[in-house]
Amino acid sequence: MNMKHRYCIWLFVLALCAAFGRARGDDYRANTVYIKSSPCGRYYAKAFPDELYGSKGVTKIYAVSKEEDRLIETYPWYSSQIDLQSLGEHISVVRIGRCLMGQEMSENDLAIGLYLDGKTLKEYSTLDVAAVINDSGAQSGYRSKFCWSLNTRGYRWIGSSDHVFDVEGGGKTLSFDVKTGALLKDPKTK
């Protein structure tokens, strides 16, 4: 068999594997080390998983310097979707839960977590967020299988030294105060 035929066979096998995975609904990707920098590059997050799937692990926040980066915060969780922002003297960190495959939402499944200066402000479950966006099918578990995920819109300045973090889910935009973790009913605009 020549090289061209081998190449075609491998492409066919890879295409079959990809199609089979999608048909089964397997959107899970194995955890890997994840690194994310703040918008201006002064800080970065480095997340290390302890397991192939899930949120067990550690996330470290570093301040960047010319000589040597300095560890400033450590969190006892892993995430492959982290945003961070310098707020003057403070560092805001937001983590978004993974796309969760399952039979129904759970109060144990993280949708979004907000942290400031190494401390947990507030963590919202998929049930908490579903209740806000009125996703009754997801709340009651009528879906035989669901994939829960939020689209991040990111940090937004709303005046003075105030910022919010916006996510979108169920066609609605939710804004969270990054200094308190509170879900805002009517966030101020720029």
C-alpha atoms as a PDB file:
ATOM      1  CA  MET A   1       0.000   0.000   0.000  1.00  0.00           C
ATOM      2  CA  ASN A   2       1.470   3.370  -0.933  1.00  0.00           C
ATOM      3  CA  MET A   3       1.675   6.451   1.277  1.00  0.00           C
ATOM      4  CA  LYS A   4      -1.305   8.151  -0.370  1.00  0.00           C
ATOM      5  CA  HIS A   5      -3.621   5.208   0.409  1.00  0.00           C
ATOM      6  CA  ARG A   6      -2.448   5.033   4.041  1.00  0.00           C
ATOM      7  CA  TYR A   7      -3.056   8.751   4.426  1.00  0.00           C
ATOM      8  CA  CYS A   8      -6.600   8.413   3.018  1.00  0.00           C
ATOM      9  CA  ILE A   9      -7.365   5.493   5.334  1.00  0.00           C
ATOM     10  CA  TRP A  10      -6.174   7.447   8.394  1.00  0.00           C
ATOM     11  CA  LEU A  11      -8.289  10.464   7.380  1.00  0.00           C
ATOM     12  CA  PHE A  12     -11.322   8.179   6.990  1.00  0.00           C
ATOM     13  CA  VAL A  13     -10.738   6.596  10.436  1.00  0.00           C
ATOM     14  CA  LEU A  14     -10.350  10.022  12.065  1.00  0.00           C
ATOM     15  CA  ALA A  15     -13.532  11.285  10.401  1.00  0.00           C
ATOM     16  CA  LEU A  16     -15.440   8.209  11.638  1.00  0.00           C
ATOM     17  CA  CYS A  17     -14.159   8.718  15.190  1.00  0.00           C
ATOM     18  CA  ALA A  18     -15.160  12.376  15.143  1.00  0.00           C
ATOM     19  CA  ALA A  19     -18.624  11.586  13.762  1.00  0.00           C
ATOM     20  CA  PHE A  20     -19.152   8.775  16.292  1.00  0.00           C
ATOM     21  CA  GLY A  21     -18.167  11.056  19.176  1.00  0.00           C
ATOM     22  CA  ARG A  22     -20.606  13.765  18.068  1.00  0.00           C
ATOM     23  CA  ALA A  23     -23.403  11.256  17.513  1.00  0.00           C
ATOM     24  CA  ARG A  24     -22.971   9.964  21.058  1.00  0.00           C
ATOM     25  CA  GLY A  25     -23.112  13.527  22.397  1.00  0.00           C
ATOM     26  CA  ASP A  26     -19.651  13.393  23.956  1.00  0.00           C
ATOM     27  CA  ASP A  27     -18.660  17.032  24.309  1.00  0.00           C
ATOM     28  CA  TYR A  28     -16.347  16.370  27.232  1.00  0.00           C
ATOM     29  CA  ARG A  29     -12.709  17.091  26.625  1.00  0.00           C
ATOM     30  CA  ALA A  30     -10.088  15.852  29.030  1.00  0.00           C
ATOM     31  CA  ASN A  31      -8.647  18.416  31.438  1.00  0.00           C
ATOM     32  CA  THR A  32      -5.267  19.903  30.610  1.00  0.00           C
ATOM     33  CA  VAL A  33      -3.179  22.655  32.173  1.00  0.00           C
ATOM     34  CA  TYR A  34      -4.923  25.955  31.418  1.00  0.00           C
ATOM     35  CA  ILE A  35      -3.319  29.412  31.354  1.00  0.00           C
ATOM     36  CA  LYS A  36      -5.147  32.735  30.959  1.00  0.00           C
ATOM     37  CA  SER A  37      -3.756  36.270  31.240  1.00  0.00           C
ATOM     38  CA  SER A  38      -5.545  39.430  32.336  1.00  0.00           C
ATOM     39  CA  PRO A  39      -6.357  41.915  29.538  1.00  0.00           C
ATOM     40  CA  CYS A  40      -3.263  44.072  30.153  1.00  0.00           C
ATOM     41  CA  GLY A  41      -1.006  41.085  30.861  1.00  0.00           C
ATOM     42  CA  ARG A  42      -0.037  42.141  34.389  1.00  0.00           C
ATOM     43  CA  TYR A  43      -1.496  38.948  35.894  1.00  0.00           C
ATOM     44  CA  TYR A  44      -2.183  35.404  34.747  1.00  0.00           C
ATOM     45  CA  ALA A  45      -3.952  32.302  36.011  1.00  0.00           C
ATOM     46  CA  LYS A  46      -2.436  28.831  35.754  1.00  0.00           C
ATOM     47  CA  ALA A  47      -4.850  25.955  36.447  1.00  0.00           C
ATOM     48  CA  PHE A  48      -3.655  22.391  37.102  1.00  0.00           C
ATOM     49  CA  PRO A  49      -6.189  19.509  37.066  1.00  0.00           C
ATOM     50  CA  ASP A  50      -6.079  16.601  39.536  1.00  0.00           C
ATOM     51  CA  GLU A  51      -8.361  14.440  37.387  1.00  0.00           C
ATOM     52  CA  LEU A  52      -9.175  13.897  33.702  1.00  0.00           C
ATOM     53  CA  TYR A  53     -12.677  15.367  34.084  1.00  0.00           C
ATOM     54  CA  GLY A  54     -14.211  17.605  36.715  1.00  0.00           C
ATOM     55  CA  SER A  55     -13.052  20.551  38.792  1.00  0.00           C
ATOM     56  CA  LYS A  56     -10.601  18.996  41.252  1.00  0.00           C
ATOM     57  CA  GLY A  57      -7.236  20.701  41.087  1.00  0.00           C
ATOM     58  CA  VAL A  58      -5.525  23.982  41.890  1.00  0.00           C
ATOM     59  CA  THR A  59      -5.448  27.395  40.240  1.00  0.00           C
ATOM     60  CA  LYS A  60      -2.661  29.865  40.941  1.00  0.00           C
ATOM     61  CA  ILE A  61      -2.692  33.580  40.139  1.00  0.00           C
ATOM     62  CA  TYR A  62       0.633  35.239  39.373  1.00  0.00           C
ATOM     63  CA  ALA A  63       1.767  38.863  39.038  1.00  0.00           C
ATOM     64  CA  VAL A  64       4.105  39.328  36.075  1.00  0.00           C
ATOM     65  CA  SER A  65       7.479  41.021  36.537  1.00  0.00           C
ATOM     66  CA  LYS A  66      10.603  41.361  34.458  1.00  0.00           C
ATOM     67  CA  GLU A  67      12.734  39.258  36.787  1.00  0.00           C
ATOM     68  CA  GLU A  68      10.459  36.582  38.216  1.00  0.00           C
ATOM     69  CA  ASP A  69       6.683  36.113  38.356  1.00  0.00           C
ATOM     70  CA  ARG A  70       5.218  36.270  41.871  1.00  0.00           C
ATOM     71  CA  LEU A  71       2.480  33.939  43.195  1.00  0.00           C
ATOM     72  CA  ILE A  72      -0.254  36.085  44.760  1.00  0.00           C
ATOM     73  CA  GLU A  73      -3.297  33.791  45.133  1.00  0.00           C
ATOM     74  CA  THR A  74      -4.156  30.092  45.148  1.00  0.00           C
ATOM     75  CA  TYR A  75      -7.598  28.533  44.705  1.00  0.00           C
ATOM     76  CA  PRO A  76      -8.527  24.887  45.480  1.00  0.00           C
ATOM     77  CA  TRP A  77     -10.235  24.190  42.150  1.00  0.00           C
ATOM     78  CA  TYR A  78      -9.537  23.627  38.446  1.00  0.00           C
ATOM     79  CA  SER A  79     -11.305  25.304  35.544  1.00  0.00           C
ATOM     80  CA  SER A  80     -10.670  25.520  31.827  1.00  0.00           C
ATOM     81  CA  GLN A  81     -12.555  28.800  31.591  1.00  0.00           C
ATOM     82  CA  ILE A  82     -11.194  31.583  33.800  1.00  0.00           C
ATOM     83  CA  ASP A  83     -11.282  35.365  33.458  1.00  0.00           C
ATOM     84  CA  LEU A  84      -9.310  37.744  35.633  1.00  0.00           C
ATOM     85  CA  GLN A  85      -9.087  41.504  35.931  1.00  0.00           C
ATOM     86  CA  SER A  86      -7.054  43.937  37.965  1.00  0.00           C
ATOM     87  CA  LEU A  87      -9.306  46.296  39.923  1.00  0.00           C
ATOM     88  CA  GLY A  88      -6.751  48.729  41.276  1.00  0.00           C
ATOM     89  CA  GLU A  89      -5.316  47.006  44.339  1.00  0.00           C
ATOM     90  CA  HIS A  90      -7.582  43.958  43.922  1.00  0.00           C
ATOM     91  CA  ILE A  91      -7.629  40.950  41.600  1.00  0.00           C
ATOM     92  CA  SER A  92     -11.023  39.664  40.461  1.00  0.00           C
ATOM     93  CA  VAL A  93     -11.245  36.069  39.224  1.00  0.00           C
ATOM     94  CA  VAL A  94     -14.283  34.486  37.562  1.00  0.00           C
ATOM     95  CA  ARG A  95     -14.607  30.834  36.673  1.00  0.00           C
ATOM     96  CA  ILE A  96     -17.282  29.338  34.474  1.00  0.00           C
ATOM     97  CA  GLY A  97     -18.437  25.760  34.956  1.00  0.00           C
ATOM     98  CA  ARG A  98     -17.855  23.195  32.230  1.00  0.00           C
ATOM     99  CA  CYS A  99     -20.423  22.055  29.743  1.00  0.00           C
ATOM    100  CA  LEU A 100     -22.182  19.451  31.877  1.00  0.00           C
ATOM    101  CA  MET A 101     -23.771  16.384  30.359  1.00  0.00           C
ATOM    102  CA  GLY A 102     -26.373  14.697  32.491  1.00  0.00           C
ATOM    103  CA  GLN A 103     -29.951  13.886  33.233  1.00  0.00           C
ATOM    104  CA  GLU A 104     -30.829  17.048  35.168  1.00  0.00           C
ATOM    105  CA  MET A 105     -29.242  20.127  36.671  1.00  0.00           C
ATOM    106  CA  SER A 106     -27.938  19.979  40.186  1.00  0.00           C
ATOM    107  CA  GLU A 107     -27.162  22.368  43.016  1.00  0.00           C
ATOM    108  CA  ASN A 108     -23.722  20.702  43.011  1.00  0.00           C
ATOM    109  CA  ASP A 109     -22.885  21.718  39.419  1.00  0.00           C
ATOM    110  CA  LEU A 110     -21.111  25.082  39.179  1.00  0.00           C
ATOM    111  CA  ALA A 111     -22.373  27.582  36.615  1.00  0.00           C
ATOM    112  CA  ILE A 112     -20.262  30.591  37.672  1.00  0.00           C
ATOM    113  CA  GLY A 113     -17.992  31.442  40.605  1.00  0.00           C
ATOM    114  CA  LEU A 114     -16.715  34.905  41.578  1.00  0.00           C
ATOM    115  CA  TYR A 115     -13.581  35.453  43.664  1.00  0.00           C
ATOM    116  CA  LEU A 116     -11.658  38.492  44.916  1.00  0.00           C
ATOM    117  CA  ASP A 117      -8.169  38.615  46.414  1.00  0.00           C
ATOM    118  CA  GLY A 118      -8.033  34.860  47.014  1.00  0.00           C
ATOM    119  CA  LYS A 119     -11.465  34.639  48.673  1.00  0.00           C
ATOM    120  CA  THR A 120     -14.717  33.138  47.396  1.00  0.00           C
ATOM    121  CA  LEU A 121     -17.383  35.814  46.992  1.00  0.00           C
ATOM    122  CA  LYS A 122     -20.196  33.674  45.564  1.00  0.00           C
ATOM    123  CA  GLU A 123     -20.630  30.459  43.607  1.00  0.00           C
ATOM    124  CA  TYR A 124     -23.826  29.887  41.627  1.00  0.00           C
ATOM    125  CA  SER A 125     -25.053  26.425  40.656  1.00  0.00           C
ATOM    126  CA  THR A 126     -26.704  25.546  37.368  1.00  0.00           C
ATOM    127  CA  LEU A 127     -30.028  25.449  39.264  1.00  0.00           C
ATOM    128  CA  ASP A 128     -29.447  28.978  40.635  1.00  0.00           C
ATOM    129  CA  VAL A 129     -28.804  30.395  37.179  1.00  0.00           C
ATOM    130  CA  ALA A 130     -31.592  28.377  35.515  1.00  0.00           C
ATOM    131  CA  ALA A 131     -34.062  29.845  38.029  1.00  0.00           C
ATOM    132  CA  VAL A 132     -32.966  33.388  37.094  1.00  0.00           C
ATOM    133  CA  ILE A 133     -33.188  32.814  33.345  1.00  0.00           C
ATOM    134  CA  ASN A 134     -36.489  30.904  33.744  1.00  0.00           C
ATOM    135  CA  ASP A 135     -35.218  27.755  32.081  1.00  0.00           C
ATOM    136  CA  SER A 136     -38.023  25.584  33.450  1.00  0.00           C
ATOM    137  CA  GLY A 137     -37.147  22.545  31.355  1.00  0.00           C
ATOM    138  CA  ALA A 138     -33.654  22.526  32.789  1.00  0.00           C
ATOM    139  CA  GLN A 139     -34.879  23.117  36.350  1.00  0.00           C
ATOM    140  CA  SER A 140     -37.387  20.297  36.331  1.00  0.00           C
ATOM    141  CA  GLY A 141     -35.174  17.762  34.600  1.00  0.00           C
ATOM    142  CA  TYR A 142     -37.566  17.115  31.702  1.00  0.00           C
ATOM    143  CA  ARG A 143     -34.684  17.064  29.248  1.00  0.00           C
ATOM    144  CA  SER A 144     -33.350  13.585  28.778  1.00  0.00           C
ATOM    145  CA  LYS A 145     -29.864  14.990  28.266  1.00  0.00           C
ATOM    146  CA  PHE A 146     -28.620  18.559  28.442  1.00  0.00           C
ATOM    147  CA  CYS A 147     -25.459  20.486  27.904  1.00  0.00           C
ATOM    148  CA  TRP A 148     -25.282  23.391  30.325  1.00  0.00           C
ATOM    149  CA  SER A 149     -23.024  26.265  29.409  1.00  0.00           C
ATOM    150  CA  LEU A 150     -22.854  30.045  29.721  1.00  0.00           C
ATOM    151  CA  ASN A 151     -21.420  32.364  27.119  1.00  0.00           C
ATOM    152  CA  THR A 152     -19.083  34.845  28.731  1.00  0.00           C
ATOM    153  CA  ARG A 153     -19.228  38.452  27.665  1.00  0.00           C
ATOM    154  CA  GLY A 154     -16.575  39.429  30.219  1.00  0.00           C
ATOM    155  CA  TYR A 155     -15.793  42.342  32.470  1.00  0.00           C
ATOM    156  CA  ARG A 156     -17.555  45.645  31.891  1.00  0.00           C
ATOM    157  CA  TRP A 157     -16.847  49.007  33.504  1.00  0.00           C
ATOM    158  CA  ILE A 158     -20.036  50.690  34.790  1.00  0.00           C
ATOM    159  CA  GLY A 159     -18.664  53.889  36.271  1.00  0.00           C
ATOM    160  CA  SER A 160     -16.331  55.202  38.942  1.00  0.00           C
ATOM    161  CA  SER A 161     -14.319  52.140  39.985  1.00  0.00           C
ATOM    162  CA  ASP A 162     -17.196  49.683  39.574  1.00  0.00           C
ATOM    163  CA  HIS A 163     -17.130  46.672  37.270  1.00  0.00           C
ATOM    164  CA  VAL A 164     -19.513  43.831  36.502  1.00  0.00           C
ATOM    165  CA  PHE A 165     -18.993  40.494  34.817  1.00  0.00           C
ATOM    166  CA  ASP A 166     -21.561  39.642  32.146  1.00  0.00           C
ATOM    167  CA  VAL A 167     -22.625  36.179  30.996  1.00  0.00           C
ATOM    168  CA  GLU A 168     -25.348  35.151  28.608  1.00  0.00           C
ATOM    169  CA  GLY A 169     -27.621  32.164  29.063  1.00  0.00           C
ATOM    170  CA  GLY A 170     -31.089  31.295  27.843  1.00  0.00           C
ATOM    171  CA  GLY A 171     -31.164  34.453  25.730  1.00  0.00           C
ATOM    172  CA  LYS A 172     -30.655  36.695  28.774  1.00  0.00           C
ATOM    173  CA  THR A 173     -27.629  38.664  29.947  1.00  0.00           C
ATOM    174  CA  LEU A 174     -26.776  38.314  33.632  1.00  0.00           C
ATOM    175  CA  SER A 175     -24.490  40.840  35.347  1.00  0.00           C
ATOM    176  CA  PHE A 176     -22.551  40.055  38.527  1.00  0.00           C
ATOM    177  CA  ASP A 177     -20.894  42.591  40.840  1.00  0.00           C
ATOM    178  CA  VAL A 178     -17.230  41.552  40.903  1.00  0.00           C
ATOM    179  CA  LYS A 179     -16.610  43.091  44.360  1.00  0.00           C
ATOM    180  CA  THR A 180     -19.502  41.325  46.125  1.00  0.00           C
ATOM    181  CA  GLY A 181     -20.469  38.424  43.846  1.00  0.00           C
ATOM    182  CA  ALA A 182     -24.113  39.578  43.833  1.00  0.00           C
ATOM    183  CA  LEU A 183     -26.302  39.065  40.796  1.00  0.00           C
ATOM    184  CA  LEU A 184     -27.480  42.550  39.843  1.00  0.00           C
ATOM    185  CA  LYS A 185     -31.142  43.097  39.004  1.00  0.00           C
ATOM    186  CA  ASP A 186     -30.578  46.320  37.058  1.00  0.00           C
ATOM    187  CA  PRO A 187     -26.888  46.956  36.433  1.00  0.00           C
ATOM    188  CA  LYS A 188     -25.810  50.507  35.725  1.00  0.00           C
ATOM    189  CA  THR A 189     -24.575  51.245  32.239  1.00  0.00           C
ATOM    190  CA  LYS A 190     -21.545  53.145  31.111  1.00  0.00           C
END
